N, C-alpha and C. Protein backbone atom coordinates (compact mmCIF):
# COMPACT_ATOMS: atom_id res chain seq x y z
N UNK A 1 29.78 -28.77 -28.76
CA UNK A 1 30.45 -29.72 -28.05
C UNK A 1 31.95 -28.74 -27.97
N UNK A 2 32.97 -28.19 -27.26
CA UNK A 2 33.84 -27.77 -27.44
C UNK A 2 34.81 -28.15 -27.61
N UNK A 3 36.34 -27.55 -27.82
CA UNK A 3 37.75 -27.54 -29.11
C UNK A 3 38.07 -28.92 -28.57
N UNK A 4 37.70 -28.98 -26.95
CA UNK A 4 38.65 -29.92 -26.11
C UNK A 4 38.65 -31.25 -26.06
N UNK A 5 37.48 -31.39 -26.15
CA UNK A 5 36.54 -32.42 -26.18
C UNK A 5 36.77 -33.59 -27.36
N UNK A 6 36.34 -32.37 -28.07
CA UNK A 6 36.81 -32.75 -29.41
C UNK A 6 37.98 -33.00 -29.93
N UNK A 7 39.05 -32.66 -29.60
CA UNK A 7 40.89 -32.63 -29.67
C UNK A 7 41.21 -34.23 -28.67
N UNK A 8 40.84 -34.74 -27.81
CA UNK A 8 40.64 -35.99 -26.77
C UNK A 8 40.14 -36.46 -27.40
N UNK A 9 39.19 -36.19 -28.32
CA UNK A 9 38.84 -37.66 -29.24
C UNK A 9 38.91 -37.87 -30.63
N UNK A 10 39.46 -36.97 -31.16
CA UNK A 10 40.63 -37.64 -32.80
C UNK A 10 41.56 -37.85 -31.74
N UNK A 11 42.56 -38.19 -30.51
CA UNK A 11 43.36 -38.66 -30.51
C UNK A 11 43.11 -40.56 -30.39
N UNK A 12 42.04 -40.60 -29.65
CA UNK A 12 41.32 -41.89 -29.43
C UNK A 12 40.96 -42.41 -30.66
N UNK A 13 41.37 -41.62 -32.43
CA UNK A 13 40.63 -42.68 -32.59
C UNK A 13 41.95 -43.28 -33.88
N UNK A 14 41.22 -44.61 -34.53
CA UNK A 14 42.32 -45.73 -35.08
C UNK A 14 42.45 -44.98 -36.27
N UNK A 15 43.96 -44.67 -36.96
CA UNK A 15 43.57 -43.72 -38.19
C UNK A 15 43.76 -44.71 -39.27
N UNK A 16 43.14 -45.99 -39.40
CA UNK A 16 42.49 -46.48 -40.51
C UNK A 16 41.65 -47.97 -39.74
N UNK A 17 40.19 -47.68 -39.99
CA UNK A 17 39.45 -48.12 -39.70
C UNK A 17 38.76 -48.95 -41.34
N UNK A 18 38.13 -50.11 -41.02
CA UNK A 18 37.70 -50.95 -41.43
C UNK A 18 36.77 -50.26 -42.76
N UNK A 19 36.43 -50.85 -43.75
CA UNK A 19 35.55 -50.07 -44.35
C UNK A 19 34.09 -51.10 -44.51
N UNK A 20 32.98 -51.18 -43.96
CA UNK A 20 31.63 -51.74 -44.26
C UNK A 20 30.61 -51.16 -43.75
N UNK A 21 29.39 -51.96 -43.81
CA UNK A 21 27.97 -51.53 -43.59
C UNK A 21 26.94 -52.01 -43.31
N UNK A 22 26.30 -51.52 -43.62
CA UNK A 22 24.35 -52.18 -42.35
C UNK A 22 24.36 -52.67 -43.54
N UNK A 23 24.48 -55.02 -42.73
CA UNK A 23 24.51 -55.90 -44.29
C UNK A 23 24.65 -56.81 -44.35
N UNK A 24 26.93 -56.04 -44.59
CA UNK A 24 27.54 -56.79 -44.46
C UNK A 24 27.31 -57.79 -44.12
N UNK A 25 28.06 -58.89 -44.47
CA UNK A 25 28.88 -60.51 -43.35
C UNK A 25 29.91 -60.21 -42.81
N UNK A 26 30.60 -59.54 -41.72
CA UNK A 26 31.54 -59.46 -42.05
C UNK A 26 32.27 -60.57 -40.93
N UNK A 27 33.52 -60.20 -40.08
CA UNK A 27 34.04 -60.99 -39.13
C UNK A 27 34.88 -60.44 -38.46
N UNK A 28 34.77 -60.40 -37.13
CA UNK A 28 35.51 -59.74 -36.49
C UNK A 28 36.51 -60.44 -35.74
N UNK A 29 37.72 -59.61 -35.51
CA UNK A 29 38.81 -60.33 -34.89
C UNK A 29 38.87 -59.92 -33.43
N UNK A 30 37.98 -59.45 -32.12
CA UNK A 30 38.10 -59.48 -30.61
C UNK A 30 39.37 -59.98 -30.29
N UNK A 31 40.16 -58.76 -29.20
CA UNK A 31 41.31 -59.85 -28.56
C UNK A 31 40.14 -59.72 -27.11
N UNK A 32 40.78 -60.88 -26.45
CA UNK A 32 40.00 -60.95 -25.25
C UNK A 32 41.12 -61.86 -24.01
N UNK A 33 41.23 -61.27 -22.76
CA UNK A 33 42.04 -61.66 -21.86
C UNK A 33 41.37 -62.16 -21.02
N UNK A 34 42.35 -63.12 -20.28
CA UNK A 34 42.54 -65.12 -19.73
C UNK A 34 42.88 -65.01 -19.01
N UNK A 35 42.62 -64.14 -17.96
CA UNK A 35 44.11 -64.17 -16.93
C UNK A 35 44.63 -62.68 -17.05
N UNK A 36 46.31 -63.77 -17.09
CA UNK A 36 47.00 -63.17 -17.59
C UNK A 36 47.65 -62.76 -19.64
N UNK A 37 46.80 -64.13 -19.77
CA UNK A 37 47.41 -63.83 -21.06
C UNK A 37 46.29 -63.58 -22.27
N UNK A 38 46.87 -63.22 -23.53
CA UNK A 38 45.82 -62.19 -24.48
C UNK A 38 45.31 -63.73 -25.56
N UNK A 39 43.73 -63.47 -25.85
CA UNK A 39 43.86 -63.82 -27.43
C UNK A 39 43.45 -63.37 -28.32
N UNK A 40 43.04 -63.99 -29.49
CA UNK A 40 41.90 -63.54 -30.65
C UNK A 40 40.91 -64.37 -30.36
N UNK A 41 39.85 -63.61 -30.60
CA UNK A 41 38.41 -64.79 -30.76
C UNK A 41 37.42 -64.00 -31.83
N UNK A 42 36.98 -65.11 -33.12
CA UNK A 42 36.23 -64.55 -34.31
C UNK A 42 34.73 -64.68 -34.05
N UNK A 43 34.08 -63.57 -34.52
CA UNK A 43 33.04 -63.39 -33.95
C UNK A 43 32.37 -63.13 -35.57
N UNK A 44 31.87 -64.40 -36.30
CA UNK A 44 31.26 -63.98 -37.45
C UNK A 44 29.50 -63.10 -37.80
N UNK A 45 29.11 -62.68 -38.47
CA UNK A 45 27.10 -62.52 -39.04
C UNK A 45 27.05 -61.18 -39.10
N UNK A 46 25.86 -60.86 -39.21
CA UNK A 46 25.59 -59.92 -39.97
C UNK A 46 25.95 -58.73 -39.44
N UNK A 47 25.90 -57.87 -39.79
CA UNK A 47 26.21 -56.30 -39.36
C UNK A 47 24.32 -55.65 -38.78
N UNK A 48 23.43 -55.16 -38.06
CA UNK A 48 22.83 -54.96 -38.04
C UNK A 48 22.58 -53.72 -37.74
N UNK A 49 23.60 -53.06 -37.22
CA UNK A 49 23.46 -51.49 -37.11
C UNK A 49 24.34 -50.41 -36.85
N UNK A 50 24.82 -49.87 -37.06
CA UNK A 50 25.45 -48.84 -36.84
C UNK A 50 25.38 -47.37 -36.51
N UNK A 51 25.89 -47.38 -35.47
CA UNK A 51 24.85 -46.02 -34.61
C UNK A 51 26.62 -45.11 -33.89
N UNK A 52 25.98 -43.76 -33.60
CA UNK A 52 26.96 -42.79 -33.14
C UNK A 52 28.09 -42.48 -33.85
N UNK A 53 29.16 -41.39 -33.68
CA UNK A 53 29.95 -41.27 -34.26
C UNK A 53 31.45 -40.98 -33.79
N UNK A 54 31.72 -40.32 -33.69
CA UNK A 54 33.56 -39.84 -33.59
C UNK A 54 34.26 -41.82 -33.15
N UNK A 55 34.86 -40.87 -31.86
CA UNK A 55 34.88 -41.75 -31.05
C UNK A 55 33.83 -42.84 -30.31
N UNK A 56 32.93 -42.22 -30.82
CA UNK A 56 31.13 -43.00 -30.07
C UNK A 56 31.01 -43.99 -30.23
N UNK A 57 31.73 -43.71 -32.05
CA UNK A 57 30.54 -44.57 -33.18
C UNK A 57 30.49 -46.33 -32.30
N UNK A 58 29.38 -47.26 -32.58
CA UNK A 58 29.69 -48.77 -32.30
C UNK A 58 28.85 -49.48 -33.19
N UNK A 59 28.83 -50.88 -33.61
CA UNK A 59 28.81 -51.70 -34.11
C UNK A 59 27.88 -52.93 -33.55
N UNK A 60 26.78 -52.68 -34.43
CA UNK A 60 25.84 -54.56 -34.03
C UNK A 60 25.58 -55.47 -35.06
N UNK A 61 26.57 -57.00 -33.87
CA UNK A 61 26.83 -58.47 -34.96
C UNK A 61 25.37 -59.50 -34.82
N UNK A 62 24.82 -59.46 -35.31
CA UNK A 62 24.29 -61.00 -35.12
C UNK A 62 24.24 -62.17 -36.31
N UNK A 63 23.85 -63.08 -34.95
CA UNK A 63 24.26 -64.55 -35.90
C UNK A 63 24.27 -65.74 -34.84
N UNK A 64 23.98 -66.90 -35.67
CA UNK A 64 23.27 -68.31 -35.00
C UNK A 64 24.11 -68.73 -35.17
N UNK A 65 23.74 -69.27 -33.19
CA UNK A 65 25.02 -70.35 -33.11
C UNK A 65 24.10 -71.69 -32.32
N UNK A 66 23.78 -72.62 -32.60
CA UNK A 66 23.44 -73.72 -32.10
C UNK A 66 21.94 -73.66 -32.54
N UNK A 67 20.95 -72.37 -33.26
CA UNK A 67 19.94 -71.69 -32.91
C UNK A 67 19.92 -70.98 -32.83
N UNK A 68 20.18 -70.31 -31.56
CA UNK A 68 20.05 -69.31 -31.00
C UNK A 68 20.83 -68.14 -31.38
N UNK A 69 20.18 -66.36 -31.62
CA UNK A 69 20.65 -66.27 -31.86
C UNK A 69 21.22 -64.77 -30.91
N UNK A 70 22.80 -64.55 -31.57
CA UNK A 70 23.91 -63.98 -30.55
C UNK A 70 23.73 -62.65 -30.93
N UNK A 71 23.83 -61.79 -29.79
CA UNK A 71 24.22 -60.05 -30.84
C UNK A 71 25.58 -59.52 -29.62
N UNK A 72 26.52 -59.14 -30.54
CA UNK A 72 27.34 -57.83 -29.72
C UNK A 72 27.45 -57.02 -29.64
N UNK A 73 27.67 -56.37 -29.38
CA UNK A 73 28.26 -54.75 -30.08
C UNK A 73 29.35 -54.34 -30.05
N UNK A 74 30.04 -54.10 -30.54
CA UNK A 74 31.82 -53.21 -30.29
C UNK A 74 31.78 -51.18 -31.25
N UNK A 75 32.59 -51.21 -30.24
CA UNK A 75 33.05 -49.45 -30.41
C UNK A 75 33.99 -49.66 -31.53
N UNK A 76 34.12 -48.51 -32.73
CA UNK A 76 34.60 -49.36 -33.53
C UNK A 76 35.89 -48.63 -33.17
N UNK A 77 36.43 -47.95 -32.88
CA UNK A 77 37.57 -47.71 -32.85
C UNK A 77 38.45 -47.75 -31.47
N UNK A 78 37.68 -49.41 -31.21
CA UNK A 78 38.62 -49.46 -29.89
C UNK A 78 39.91 -50.35 -29.76
N UNK A 79 40.86 -50.53 -28.72
CA UNK A 79 41.73 -50.73 -29.28
C UNK A 79 41.22 -52.70 -29.19
N UNK A 80 39.98 -53.20 -28.75
CA UNK A 80 39.79 -54.43 -28.47
C UNK A 80 39.52 -55.22 -29.62
N UNK A 81 39.06 -54.06 -30.67
CA UNK A 81 38.87 -54.87 -31.97
C UNK A 81 40.06 -55.00 -32.49
N UNK A 82 40.45 -56.10 -32.53
CA UNK A 82 41.97 -56.29 -34.03
C UNK A 82 41.85 -55.75 -35.58
N UNK A 83 40.86 -56.05 -36.03
CA UNK A 83 40.24 -55.97 -37.05
C UNK A 83 39.48 -56.49 -37.75
N UNK A 84 38.26 -56.12 -38.96
CA UNK A 84 37.12 -56.11 -38.70
C UNK A 84 37.38 -56.39 -40.42
N UNK A 85 37.09 -58.26 -41.31
CA UNK A 85 37.37 -58.66 -41.85
C UNK A 85 35.58 -58.76 -42.59
N UNK A 86 35.48 -58.35 -44.03
CA UNK A 86 34.00 -58.11 -44.67
C UNK A 86 34.65 -59.76 -45.51
N UNK A 87 33.61 -60.02 -45.14
CA UNK A 87 33.03 -61.42 -46.21
C UNK A 87 32.19 -61.53 -47.71
N UNK A 88 31.33 -60.49 -47.03
CA UNK A 88 29.81 -61.02 -48.29
C UNK A 88 29.05 -59.28 -47.68
N UNK A 89 29.29 -58.41 -49.46
CA UNK A 89 28.22 -57.05 -48.73
C UNK A 89 27.09 -57.77 -49.32
N UNK A 90 26.23 -56.80 -48.42
CA UNK A 90 25.13 -57.16 -47.88
C UNK A 90 24.18 -55.88 -49.34
N UNK A 91 22.95 -56.65 -50.12
CA UNK A 91 21.69 -55.84 -50.06
C UNK A 91 21.01 -55.04 -49.52
N UNK A 92 20.47 -53.77 -48.78
CA UNK A 92 19.21 -53.57 -47.89
C UNK A 92 19.40 -51.89 -47.94
N UNK A 93 17.53 -51.74 -47.77
CA UNK A 93 17.60 -50.39 -47.48
C UNK A 93 17.29 -49.85 -46.44
N UNK A 94 17.32 -49.97 -45.75
CA UNK A 94 17.10 -49.79 -44.08
C UNK A 94 18.61 -49.97 -43.05
N UNK A 95 18.66 -48.61 -42.53
CA UNK A 95 19.64 -48.64 -41.89
C UNK A 95 20.08 -49.30 -40.39
N UNK A 96 19.18 -49.64 -40.07
CA UNK A 96 18.73 -50.33 -38.85
C UNK A 96 18.27 -51.96 -39.68
N UNK A 97 18.62 -53.46 -39.10
CA UNK A 97 18.27 -54.46 -40.15
C UNK A 97 17.09 -55.21 -38.09
N UNK A 98 16.62 -54.46 -37.41
CA UNK A 98 16.46 -54.73 -36.33
C UNK A 98 15.06 -56.01 -37.20
N UNK A 99 14.04 -56.17 -38.20
CA UNK A 99 13.64 -57.07 -38.87
C UNK A 99 13.71 -58.69 -38.73
N UNK A 100 15.37 -58.82 -38.60
CA UNK A 100 16.09 -59.58 -39.09
C UNK A 100 15.67 -60.35 -36.83
N UNK A 101 16.27 -60.25 -36.24
CA UNK A 101 15.99 -60.59 -34.69
C UNK A 101 14.07 -62.42 -35.45
N UNK A 102 13.24 -61.81 -35.66
CA UNK A 102 12.26 -62.02 -35.12
C UNK A 102 12.27 -62.95 -36.94
N UNK A 103 13.75 -63.18 -37.51
CA UNK A 103 13.40 -64.26 -38.05
C UNK A 103 14.32 -65.20 -37.92
N UNK A 104 14.45 -66.62 -39.08
CA UNK A 104 14.89 -68.09 -38.71
C UNK A 104 15.05 -68.65 -39.53
N UNK A 105 16.29 -69.41 -39.77
CA UNK A 105 16.73 -69.92 -40.98
C UNK A 105 16.68 -69.50 -42.24
N UNK A 106 16.25 -69.59 -43.39
CA UNK A 106 16.92 -68.94 -45.02
C UNK A 106 16.20 -67.50 -44.66
N UNK A 107 14.66 -67.10 -44.19
CA UNK A 107 14.68 -65.58 -43.93
C UNK A 107 15.50 -65.24 -43.54
N UNK A 108 16.14 -65.08 -42.74
CA UNK A 108 17.01 -64.25 -41.79
C UNK A 108 18.19 -63.40 -42.67
N UNK A 109 18.29 -64.32 -44.28
CA UNK A 109 19.62 -63.92 -45.04
C UNK A 109 18.79 -62.77 -45.13
N UNK A 110 20.09 -62.31 -46.08
CA UNK A 110 20.07 -60.83 -46.54
C UNK A 110 20.89 -60.93 -48.25
N UNK A 111 20.05 -60.42 -49.18
CA UNK A 111 20.56 -60.87 -50.28
C UNK A 111 22.15 -59.96 -50.17
N UNK A 112 22.68 -60.68 -51.42
CA UNK A 112 24.52 -60.09 -51.93
C UNK A 112 24.30 -58.36 -52.97
N UNK A 113 24.86 -57.82 -52.41
CA UNK A 113 24.65 -56.95 -53.43
C UNK A 113 26.19 -56.88 -54.59
N UNK A 114 25.88 -56.73 -55.88
CA UNK A 114 26.48 -57.17 -56.98
C UNK A 114 27.30 -55.94 -56.78
N UNK A 115 29.04 -55.73 -56.62
CA UNK A 115 29.84 -54.22 -56.62
C UNK A 115 30.47 -54.82 -58.52
């Protein structure tokens, strides 16, 4: 990759990124525009995966809403993500938790890490 592209991407990075990993239960505060006003909506769930690097890094969060699994993917350095709050640290042995998609109820839980 050329130096020009690296410089442009470096300008777009957030200076302070919240520390979280795959398997953590997080609360994502996302900005939503409705007409001419802006509000913050909270999305709470388990981080299934983190992928990419630099300014292209994204993460996917999954939650169960009324018995239906809902997933959302956000860029880590997006200005629409106000902050990411870690609620629980998860103990996992995989980089991507795609197996949670086929599970419901208590089977879809991740053990809490003791730190």
